């Protein structure tokens, strides 16, 4: 089991490396980004924000980029990788799978709270979440703007 999940993780790293090489460096609203082609949703990995600006409304881009910049500056990639490595070695433990899901949700809740604290309009941000939720899902080892818990996130923001 651990070997299979290890191979899966290596394939995800390789896919991410290929995407990095195909992307181009750019700057959008004073954020350094990697501009990608295709119908992939925005996401971050380590110190890189990957986005296809053509897939998003101009009004959504500032919120998306602020969100991803928080993931980058808070080093959320380390949290995601630690959760991935835990599931690789303890794949047989159902608690690890629940912990992995909780880590991802908690990272998004923390990021949402920080976005709202810096003065982003909550309604506009929530609309951005919904708009981006229709984009294609990125690889499993990255921090991305959209996860499947949009409803929970909006409830938490309004609480």
Protein backbone atom coordinates (compact mmCIF):
# COMPACT_ATOMS: atom_id res chain seq x y z
CA UNK A 1 0.00 0.00 0.00
CA UNK A 2 2.75 2.46 0.95
CA UNK A 3 4.61 1.73 -2.29
CA UNK A 4 1.50 2.38 -4.38
CA UNK A 5 0.78 5.66 -2.62
CA UNK A 6 4.45 6.59 -2.97
CA UNK A 7 4.25 6.01 -6.72
CA UNK A 8 1.06 8.07 -6.84
CA UNK A 9 2.79 10.94 -5.04
CA UNK A 10 5.78 10.78 -7.41
CA UNK A 11 3.43 10.89 -10.42
CA UNK A 12 1.74 13.98 -8.94
CA UNK A 13 5.13 15.66 -8.45
CA UNK A 14 6.12 14.81 -12.01
CA UNK A 15 2.83 16.20 -13.38
CA UNK A 16 3.36 19.38 -11.39
CA UNK A 17 6.93 19.66 -12.67
CA UNK A 18 5.72 19.30 -16.28
CA UNK A 19 3.06 21.95 -15.69
CA UNK A 20 5.69 24.28 -14.21
CA UNK A 21 7.91 23.85 -17.27
CA UNK A 22 4.99 24.50 -19.66
CA UNK A 23 3.87 27.60 -17.76
CA UNK A 24 5.31 31.06 -18.18
CA UNK A 25 6.29 33.53 -15.50
CA UNK A 26 4.09 36.58 -15.26
CA UNK A 27 2.81 39.30 -12.99
CA UNK A 28 -0.86 40.01 -12.32
CA UNK A 29 -1.88 42.76 -9.87
CA UNK A 30 1.65 42.80 -8.38
CA UNK A 31 1.58 39.03 -7.77
CA UNK A 32 4.23 36.83 -9.34
CA UNK A 33 2.39 33.99 -11.03
CA UNK A 34 2.91 31.08 -13.39
CA UNK A 35 0.49 31.48 -16.29
CA UNK A 36 -0.89 28.15 -17.47
CA UNK A 37 -2.96 27.09 -20.45
CA UNK A 38 -6.10 25.04 -20.38
CA UNK A 39 -9.05 24.75 -18.09
CA UNK A 40 -7.26 24.21 -14.76
CA UNK A 41 -8.39 26.05 -11.65
CA UNK A 42 -6.04 28.37 -9.81
CA UNK A 43 -3.74 26.80 -7.22
CA UNK A 44 -0.47 27.31 -5.42
CA UNK A 45 2.43 25.03 -4.72
CA UNK A 46 5.37 26.10 -2.60
CA UNK A 47 6.15 29.66 -3.73
CA UNK A 48 4.33 29.56 -7.06
CA UNK A 49 0.79 30.58 -7.92
CA UNK A 50 -0.56 28.86 -11.03
CA UNK A 51 -3.45 30.51 -12.85
CA UNK A 52 -4.99 30.94 -16.27
CA UNK A 53 -6.34 34.51 -16.13
CA UNK A 54 -8.43 33.94 -19.27
CA UNK A 55 -10.62 31.51 -17.30
CA UNK A 56 -11.66 34.09 -14.71
CA UNK A 57 -13.57 37.35 -14.56
CA UNK A 58 -11.40 40.41 -14.02
CA UNK A 59 -13.36 41.17 -10.85
CA UNK A 60 -12.48 37.74 -9.38
CA UNK A 61 -8.73 37.89 -10.03
CA UNK A 62 -7.74 40.10 -7.06
CA UNK A 63 -9.54 37.79 -4.60
CA UNK A 64 -8.11 34.67 -6.19
CA UNK A 65 -4.57 36.04 -6.13
CA UNK A 66 -4.83 37.27 -2.54
CA UNK A 67 -6.13 33.87 -1.48
CA UNK A 68 -3.29 32.02 -3.20
CA UNK A 69 -0.71 34.50 -1.91
CA UNK A 70 -1.79 33.71 1.66
CA UNK A 71 -1.27 29.99 0.94
CA UNK A 72 2.22 30.80 -0.37
CA UNK A 73 3.24 33.14 2.46
CA UNK A 74 1.87 30.82 5.18
CA UNK A 75 3.70 27.80 3.67
CA UNK A 76 0.52 25.75 3.49
CA UNK A 77 2.25 23.44 1.03
CA UNK A 78 4.15 21.95 3.98
CA UNK A 79 0.89 21.14 5.76
CA UNK A 80 -0.55 19.50 2.65
CA UNK A 81 2.64 17.49 2.02
CA UNK A 82 2.76 16.31 5.63
CA UNK A 83 -0.85 15.13 5.36
CA UNK A 84 -0.05 13.39 2.05
CA UNK A 85 2.99 11.66 3.53
CA UNK A 86 0.93 10.56 6.53
CA UNK A 87 -1.62 8.91 4.26
CA UNK A 88 1.18 7.28 2.29
CA UNK A 89 2.66 5.55 5.32
CA UNK A 90 -0.54 5.04 7.34
CA UNK A 91 -2.92 4.41 4.43
CA UNK A 92 -4.59 1.59 6.38
CA UNK A 93 -5.71 3.92 9.20
CA UNK A 94 -9.09 5.60 8.54
CA UNK A 95 -8.22 8.32 11.05
CA UNK A 96 -5.38 9.52 8.84
CA UNK A 97 -7.77 10.03 5.93
CA UNK A 98 -10.08 12.08 8.17
CA UNK A 99 -7.08 14.06 9.43
CA UNK A 100 -6.00 14.79 5.84
CA UNK A 101 -9.46 16.14 5.01
CA UNK A 102 -9.52 18.20 8.23
CA UNK A 103 -6.09 19.71 7.47
CA UNK A 104 -7.26 20.84 4.02
CA UNK A 105 -10.49 22.31 5.38
CA UNK A 106 -8.67 24.07 8.21
CA UNK A 107 -6.15 25.60 5.80
CA UNK A 108 -9.00 26.99 3.72
CA UNK A 109 -10.87 28.33 6.77
CA UNK A 110 -7.71 30.08 8.00
CA UNK A 111 -7.07 31.56 4.57
CA UNK A 112 -10.66 32.76 4.23
CA UNK A 113 -10.47 34.45 7.64
CA UNK A 114 -7.22 36.22 6.71
CA UNK A 115 -8.71 37.38 3.40
CA UNK A 116 -11.67 38.94 5.18
CA UNK A 117 -9.42 40.52 7.85
CA UNK A 118 -7.45 42.45 5.23
CA UNK A 119 -10.63 44.15 4.11
CA UNK A 120 -11.85 42.10 1.16
CA UNK A 121 -15.58 42.45 0.57
CA UNK A 122 -17.10 39.22 1.91
CA UNK A 123 -19.91 39.00 -0.65
CA UNK A 124 -17.55 39.55 -3.60
CA UNK A 125 -15.15 36.97 -2.16
CA UNK A 126 -17.95 34.44 -1.72
CA UNK A 127 -19.08 35.00 -5.31
CA UNK A 128 -15.48 34.42 -6.40
CA UNK A 129 -15.47 31.11 -4.53
CA UNK A 130 -18.62 30.02 -6.30
CA UNK A 131 -17.37 31.18 -9.72
CA UNK A 132 -14.07 29.35 -9.33
CA UNK A 133 -15.77 26.20 -8.06
CA UNK A 134 -16.83 25.45 -11.64
CA UNK A 135 -13.21 25.28 -12.82
CA UNK A 136 -11.36 21.99 -13.17
CA UNK A 137 -9.80 20.54 -10.03
CA UNK A 138 -5.98 20.59 -9.82
CA UNK A 139 -3.62 17.91 -8.51
CA UNK A 140 -4.07 16.61 -4.97
CA UNK A 141 -0.79 17.91 -3.53
CA UNK A 142 -1.36 21.60 -4.18
CA UNK A 143 -3.15 24.39 -2.33
CA UNK A 144 -5.95 25.51 -4.54
CA UNK A 145 -8.55 28.24 -4.42
CA UNK A 146 -11.45 25.84 -4.59
CA UNK A 147 -12.16 22.71 -2.59
CA UNK A 148 -15.38 20.78 -2.33
CA UNK A 149 -16.39 22.47 0.94
CA UNK A 150 -17.53 25.79 -0.54
CA UNK A 151 -20.80 25.70 1.38
CA UNK A 152 -19.01 25.11 4.72
CA UNK A 153 -16.55 27.89 3.97
CA UNK A 154 -19.31 30.40 3.18
CA UNK A 155 -21.18 29.42 6.36
CA UNK A 156 -17.97 29.90 8.39
CA UNK A 157 -17.37 33.33 6.84
CA UNK A 158 -20.87 34.46 7.71
CA UNK A 159 -20.75 33.08 11.24
